[in-house]
């Protein structure tokens, strides 16, 4: 099965392997199978398949996973379908670029 890439090389997903206890909850709740558990440690497979829904981080009992929820999720899917390059909600017009000013007032970037 082919994986869907939301925003190439910008996913905020990180995993602290030292905190991971290998419970596999991330693997169970991830809708895009980004995680696998190998030798009692979670492993991030295709980071670009992550849609940043936050299910993994919310369910991790040791807070070993961090993801900035909403950065890629629905905005990326909708923008991609509309042919808009930027998937950030901080830009009002498709041709605008994200600036430090717009980013600092934004909840998603």
N, C-alpha and C. Protein backbone atom coordinates (compact mmCIF):
# COMPACT_ATOMS: atom_id res chain seq x y z
N UNK A 1 0.84 -1.18 0.00
CA UNK A 1 0.00 0.00 0.00
C UNK A 1 0.89 1.25 0.00
N UNK A 2 0.61 2.17 -0.88
CA UNK A 2 1.38 3.42 -0.96
C UNK A 2 0.97 4.35 0.17
N UNK A 3 1.96 5.08 0.70
CA UNK A 3 1.64 6.03 1.77
C UNK A 3 1.45 7.41 1.18
N UNK A 4 0.63 8.18 1.84
CA UNK A 4 0.34 9.54 1.43
C UNK A 4 1.31 10.48 2.12
N UNK A 5 1.97 11.34 1.37
CA UNK A 5 2.86 12.33 1.94
C UNK A 5 2.10 13.63 2.04
N UNK A 6 2.11 14.22 3.23
CA UNK A 6 1.38 15.46 3.45
C UNK A 6 2.26 16.66 3.13
N UNK A 7 3.26 16.89 3.90
CA UNK A 7 4.20 17.99 3.66
C UNK A 7 5.60 17.40 3.77
N UNK A 8 6.32 17.35 2.68
CA UNK A 8 7.61 16.69 2.64
C UNK A 8 8.63 17.41 3.53
N UNK A 9 9.29 16.64 4.37
CA UNK A 9 10.40 17.09 5.21
C UNK A 9 10.07 18.23 6.17
N UNK A 10 8.83 18.36 6.61
CA UNK A 10 8.50 19.41 7.59
C UNK A 10 7.73 18.87 8.80
N UNK A 11 7.52 17.60 8.86
CA UNK A 11 6.75 17.02 9.95
C UNK A 11 7.45 17.28 11.29
N UNK A 12 6.68 17.65 12.28
CA UNK A 12 7.24 17.99 13.59
C UNK A 12 7.40 16.78 14.51
N UNK A 13 7.07 15.62 14.04
CA UNK A 13 7.09 14.39 14.84
C UNK A 13 8.50 14.04 15.31
N UNK A 14 8.64 13.85 16.63
CA UNK A 14 9.91 13.38 17.18
C UNK A 14 9.63 12.29 18.22
N UNK A 15 10.62 11.45 18.43
CA UNK A 15 10.51 10.36 19.38
C UNK A 15 11.76 10.33 20.24
N UNK A 16 11.57 10.34 21.55
CA UNK A 16 12.67 10.22 22.49
C UNK A 16 12.79 8.74 22.87
N UNK A 17 13.72 8.05 22.24
CA UNK A 17 13.86 6.60 22.44
C UNK A 17 14.19 6.25 23.89
N UNK A 18 14.83 7.15 24.62
CA UNK A 18 15.17 6.88 26.01
C UNK A 18 13.93 6.82 26.90
N UNK A 19 12.89 7.55 26.52
CA UNK A 19 11.64 7.54 27.30
C UNK A 19 10.69 6.42 26.86
N UNK A 20 10.88 5.90 25.66
CA UNK A 20 9.98 4.89 25.11
C UNK A 20 10.09 3.58 25.90
N UNK A 21 8.92 3.01 26.25
CA UNK A 21 8.88 1.73 26.96
C UNK A 21 8.38 0.60 26.07
N UNK A 22 8.14 0.88 24.80
CA UNK A 22 7.74 -0.16 23.85
C UNK A 22 6.33 -0.68 24.04
N UNK A 23 5.44 0.15 24.55
CA UNK A 23 4.06 -0.29 24.81
C UNK A 23 3.25 -0.50 23.53
N UNK A 24 3.68 0.09 22.43
CA UNK A 24 3.06 -0.04 21.10
C UNK A 24 1.75 0.72 20.94
N UNK A 25 1.39 1.58 21.89
CA UNK A 25 0.17 2.37 21.73
C UNK A 25 0.27 3.28 20.51
N UNK A 26 1.44 3.84 20.25
CA UNK A 26 1.61 4.70 19.08
C UNK A 26 1.33 3.92 17.79
N UNK A 27 1.82 2.72 17.75
CA UNK A 27 1.61 1.86 16.57
C UNK A 27 0.13 1.54 16.39
N UNK A 28 -0.57 1.34 17.48
CA UNK A 28 -1.99 0.99 17.45
C UNK A 28 -2.85 2.17 17.00
N UNK A 29 -2.57 3.37 17.51
CA UNK A 29 -3.46 4.51 17.25
C UNK A 29 -3.11 5.31 15.99
N UNK A 30 -1.93 5.13 15.44
CA UNK A 30 -1.53 5.91 14.27
C UNK A 30 -2.33 5.50 13.03
N UNK A 31 -3.09 6.43 12.44
CA UNK A 31 -3.92 6.08 11.29
C UNK A 31 -3.12 5.85 10.01
N UNK A 32 -1.84 6.19 10.00
CA UNK A 32 -1.03 6.02 8.79
C UNK A 32 0.16 5.08 9.01
N UNK A 33 0.12 4.31 10.08
CA UNK A 33 1.14 3.30 10.37
C UNK A 33 2.56 3.87 10.30
N UNK A 34 2.75 5.04 10.88
CA UNK A 34 4.06 5.67 10.89
C UNK A 34 5.01 4.93 11.84
N UNK A 35 4.46 4.33 12.90
CA UNK A 35 5.27 3.67 13.92
C UNK A 35 5.25 2.15 13.79
N UNK A 36 6.37 1.56 14.15
CA UNK A 36 6.46 0.13 14.41
C UNK A 36 7.22 -0.01 15.72
N UNK A 37 7.09 -1.15 16.35
CA UNK A 37 7.85 -1.39 17.57
C UNK A 37 8.83 -2.51 17.27
N UNK A 38 10.10 -2.20 17.50
CA UNK A 38 11.17 -3.14 17.22
C UNK A 38 12.02 -3.29 18.47
N UNK A 39 12.11 -4.50 18.98
CA UNK A 39 12.92 -4.78 20.17
C UNK A 39 12.51 -3.88 21.35
N UNK A 40 11.20 -3.75 21.56
CA UNK A 40 10.60 -2.97 22.66
C UNK A 40 10.89 -1.48 22.61
N UNK A 41 11.15 -0.96 21.41
CA UNK A 41 11.34 0.48 21.21
C UNK A 41 10.55 0.88 19.97
N UNK A 42 9.80 1.97 20.07
CA UNK A 42 9.07 2.48 18.90
C UNK A 42 10.07 3.01 17.87
N UNK A 43 9.71 2.85 16.62
CA UNK A 43 10.54 3.33 15.51
C UNK A 43 9.65 4.12 14.57
N UNK A 44 10.11 5.31 14.18
CA UNK A 44 9.38 6.10 13.19
C UNK A 44 9.80 5.61 11.82
N UNK A 45 8.83 5.15 11.04
CA UNK A 45 9.11 4.69 9.68
C UNK A 45 9.17 5.87 8.72
N UNK A 46 8.11 6.11 8.01
CA UNK A 46 8.02 7.21 7.05
C UNK A 46 7.46 8.45 7.73
N UNK A 47 8.33 9.35 8.20
CA UNK A 47 7.89 10.56 8.89
C UNK A 47 6.94 11.38 8.03
N UNK A 48 7.16 11.40 6.72
CA UNK A 48 6.34 12.21 5.84
C UNK A 48 4.91 11.68 5.70
N UNK A 49 4.66 10.47 6.16
CA UNK A 49 3.30 9.92 6.15
C UNK A 49 2.49 10.43 7.34
N UNK A 50 3.16 11.04 8.30
CA UNK A 50 2.49 11.56 9.48
C UNK A 50 1.60 12.74 9.11
N UNK A 51 0.35 12.70 9.55
CA UNK A 51 -0.56 13.81 9.26
C UNK A 51 -0.71 14.73 10.47
N UNK A 52 0.11 14.50 11.48
CA UNK A 52 0.18 15.35 12.66
C UNK A 52 -1.15 15.48 13.39
N UNK A 53 -1.85 14.37 13.50
CA UNK A 53 -3.13 14.37 14.21
C UNK A 53 -2.92 14.39 15.73
N UNK A 54 -1.78 13.88 16.19
CA UNK A 54 -1.46 13.91 17.61
C UNK A 54 -1.91 12.70 18.40
N UNK A 55 -2.52 11.72 17.75
CA UNK A 55 -3.00 10.54 18.47
C UNK A 55 -1.87 9.81 19.18
N UNK A 56 -0.73 9.72 18.55
CA UNK A 56 0.42 9.03 19.15
C UNK A 56 0.88 9.73 20.42
N UNK A 57 1.05 11.03 20.36
CA UNK A 57 1.53 11.79 21.52
C UNK A 57 0.52 11.77 22.65
N UNK A 58 -0.77 11.88 22.33
CA UNK A 58 -1.80 11.87 23.36
C UNK A 58 -1.88 10.52 24.07
N UNK A 59 -1.52 9.47 23.39
CA UNK A 59 -1.63 8.13 23.97
C UNK A 59 -0.33 7.59 24.54
N UNK A 60 0.76 8.29 24.38
CA UNK A 60 2.05 7.81 24.89
C UNK A 60 2.11 8.02 26.40
N UNK A 61 2.22 6.94 27.17
CA UNK A 61 2.20 7.07 28.63
C UNK A 61 3.45 7.70 29.22
N UNK A 62 4.53 7.78 28.46
CA UNK A 62 5.78 8.34 28.99
C UNK A 62 6.16 9.66 28.32
N UNK A 63 5.29 10.22 27.50
CA UNK A 63 5.57 11.46 26.77
C UNK A 63 6.83 11.37 25.93
N UNK A 64 7.06 10.21 25.34
CA UNK A 64 8.24 10.00 24.49
C UNK A 64 8.04 10.57 23.09
N UNK A 65 6.81 10.91 22.75
CA UNK A 65 6.49 11.39 21.40
C UNK A 65 6.04 12.83 21.46
N UNK A 66 6.56 13.62 20.54
CA UNK A 66 6.11 15.01 20.40
C UNK A 66 5.71 15.23 18.96
N UNK A 67 4.60 15.91 18.77
CA UNK A 67 4.17 16.36 17.45
C UNK A 67 3.35 17.62 17.65
N UNK A 68 3.60 18.62 16.86
CA UNK A 68 2.84 19.86 16.92
C UNK A 68 1.56 19.64 16.13
N UNK A 69 0.50 19.37 16.83
CA UNK A 69 -0.77 18.97 16.22
C UNK A 69 -1.32 20.06 15.30
N UNK A 70 -1.76 19.64 14.12
CA UNK A 70 -2.44 20.53 13.20
C UNK A 70 -1.58 21.18 12.15
N UNK A 71 -0.28 21.00 12.21
CA UNK A 71 0.57 21.64 11.22
C UNK A 71 0.32 21.07 9.84
N UNK A 72 0.23 19.77 9.71
CA UNK A 72 0.06 19.16 8.41
C UNK A 72 -1.34 18.68 8.14
N UNK A 73 -1.94 18.14 9.08
CA UNK A 73 -3.25 17.51 9.06
C UNK A 73 -4.19 17.96 7.93
N UNK A 74 -5.32 18.45 8.25
CA UNK A 74 -6.33 18.79 7.25
C UNK A 74 -5.90 19.91 6.32
N UNK A 75 -5.15 20.87 6.84
CA UNK A 75 -4.72 21.99 6.01
C UNK A 75 -3.89 21.52 4.82
N UNK A 76 -3.02 20.56 5.04
CA UNK A 76 -2.18 20.04 3.96
C UNK A 76 -3.01 19.30 2.92
N UNK A 77 -3.95 18.50 3.37
CA UNK A 77 -4.78 17.75 2.45
C UNK A 77 -5.61 18.68 1.58
N UNK A 78 -6.25 19.66 2.21
CA UNK A 78 -7.09 20.59 1.48
C UNK A 78 -6.26 21.45 0.53
N UNK A 79 -5.16 21.99 1.03
CA UNK A 79 -4.31 22.83 0.18
C UNK A 79 -3.75 22.05 -0.99
N UNK A 80 -3.32 20.82 -0.74
CA UNK A 80 -2.81 19.98 -1.81
C UNK A 80 -3.86 19.71 -2.87
N UNK A 81 -5.09 19.43 -2.44
CA UNK A 81 -6.17 19.17 -3.37
C UNK A 81 -6.52 20.40 -4.20
N UNK A 82 -6.33 21.58 -3.61
CA UNK A 82 -6.62 22.82 -4.32
C UNK A 82 -5.43 23.34 -5.12
N UNK A 83 -4.30 22.65 -5.00
CA UNK A 83 -3.10 23.07 -5.72
C UNK A 83 -2.39 24.25 -5.08
N UNK A 84 -2.65 24.49 -3.81
CA UNK A 84 -2.01 25.59 -3.09
C UNK A 84 -0.74 25.07 -2.45
N UNK A 85 0.37 25.78 -2.65
CA UNK A 85 1.66 25.31 -2.15
C UNK A 85 1.75 25.34 -0.64
N UNK A 86 1.35 26.41 0.00
CA UNK A 86 1.46 26.54 1.45
C UNK A 86 0.24 25.93 2.11
N UNK A 87 0.50 25.11 3.13
CA UNK A 87 -0.61 24.51 3.86
C UNK A 87 -0.75 25.14 5.24
N UNK A 88 -0.14 26.27 5.43
CA UNK A 88 -0.17 26.91 6.75
C UNK A 88 -1.39 27.82 6.85
N UNK A 89 -2.03 27.78 8.01
CA UNK A 89 -3.21 28.61 8.20
C UNK A 89 -2.83 30.06 8.48
N UNK A 90 -1.54 30.37 8.56
CA UNK A 90 -1.09 31.73 8.86
C UNK A 90 -1.11 32.64 7.64
N UNK A 91 -1.29 32.06 6.48
CA UNK A 91 -1.30 32.87 5.27
C UNK A 91 -2.72 33.04 4.78
N UNK A 92 -3.09 34.28 4.48
CA UNK A 92 -4.45 34.57 4.05
C UNK A 92 -4.67 34.25 2.58
N UNK A 93 -3.66 34.47 1.79
CA UNK A 93 -3.76 34.23 0.35
C UNK A 93 -2.75 33.17 -0.06
N UNK A 94 -3.08 32.31 -1.04
CA UNK A 94 -2.17 31.24 -1.44
C UNK A 94 -0.79 31.73 -1.87
N UNK A 95 -0.72 32.93 -2.44
CA UNK A 95 0.57 33.40 -2.92
C UNK A 95 1.42 34.05 -1.83
N UNK A 96 0.85 34.23 -0.63
CA UNK A 96 1.60 34.79 0.48
C UNK A 96 2.58 33.77 1.03
N UNK A 97 3.66 34.24 1.59
CA UNK A 97 4.63 33.38 2.24
C UNK A 97 4.52 33.58 3.74
N UNK A 98 4.88 32.56 4.49
CA UNK A 98 4.88 32.66 5.94
C UNK A 98 6.05 33.54 6.35
N UNK A 99 5.78 34.54 7.17
CA UNK A 99 6.82 35.43 7.67
C UNK A 99 6.96 35.21 9.17
N UNK A 100 8.03 35.77 9.75
CA UNK A 100 8.21 35.67 11.19
C UNK A 100 7.02 36.28 11.93
N UNK A 101 6.51 37.37 11.38
CA UNK A 101 5.37 38.06 12.02
C UNK A 101 4.12 37.19 11.99
N UNK A 102 3.81 36.62 10.83
CA UNK A 102 2.60 35.80 10.74
C UNK A 102 2.77 34.51 11.53
N UNK A 103 3.98 33.97 11.56
CA UNK A 103 4.23 32.74 12.28
C UNK A 103 4.10 32.93 13.79
N UNK A 104 4.54 34.06 14.29
CA UNK A 104 4.50 34.29 15.74
C UNK A 104 3.08 34.45 16.25
N UNK A 105 2.15 34.84 15.40
CA UNK A 105 0.77 34.99 15.84
C UNK A 105 -0.09 33.78 15.49
N UNK A 106 0.54 32.75 15.01
CA UNK A 106 -0.18 31.57 14.53
C UNK A 106 -0.11 30.43 15.53
N UNK A 107 -1.17 29.66 15.61
CA UNK A 107 -1.19 28.52 16.51
C UNK A 107 -0.70 27.24 15.86
N UNK A 108 -0.47 27.24 14.55
CA UNK A 108 -0.16 25.98 13.89
C UNK A 108 1.29 25.85 13.43
N UNK A 109 2.02 26.91 13.33
CA UNK A 109 3.36 26.81 12.74
C UNK A 109 4.45 26.97 13.76
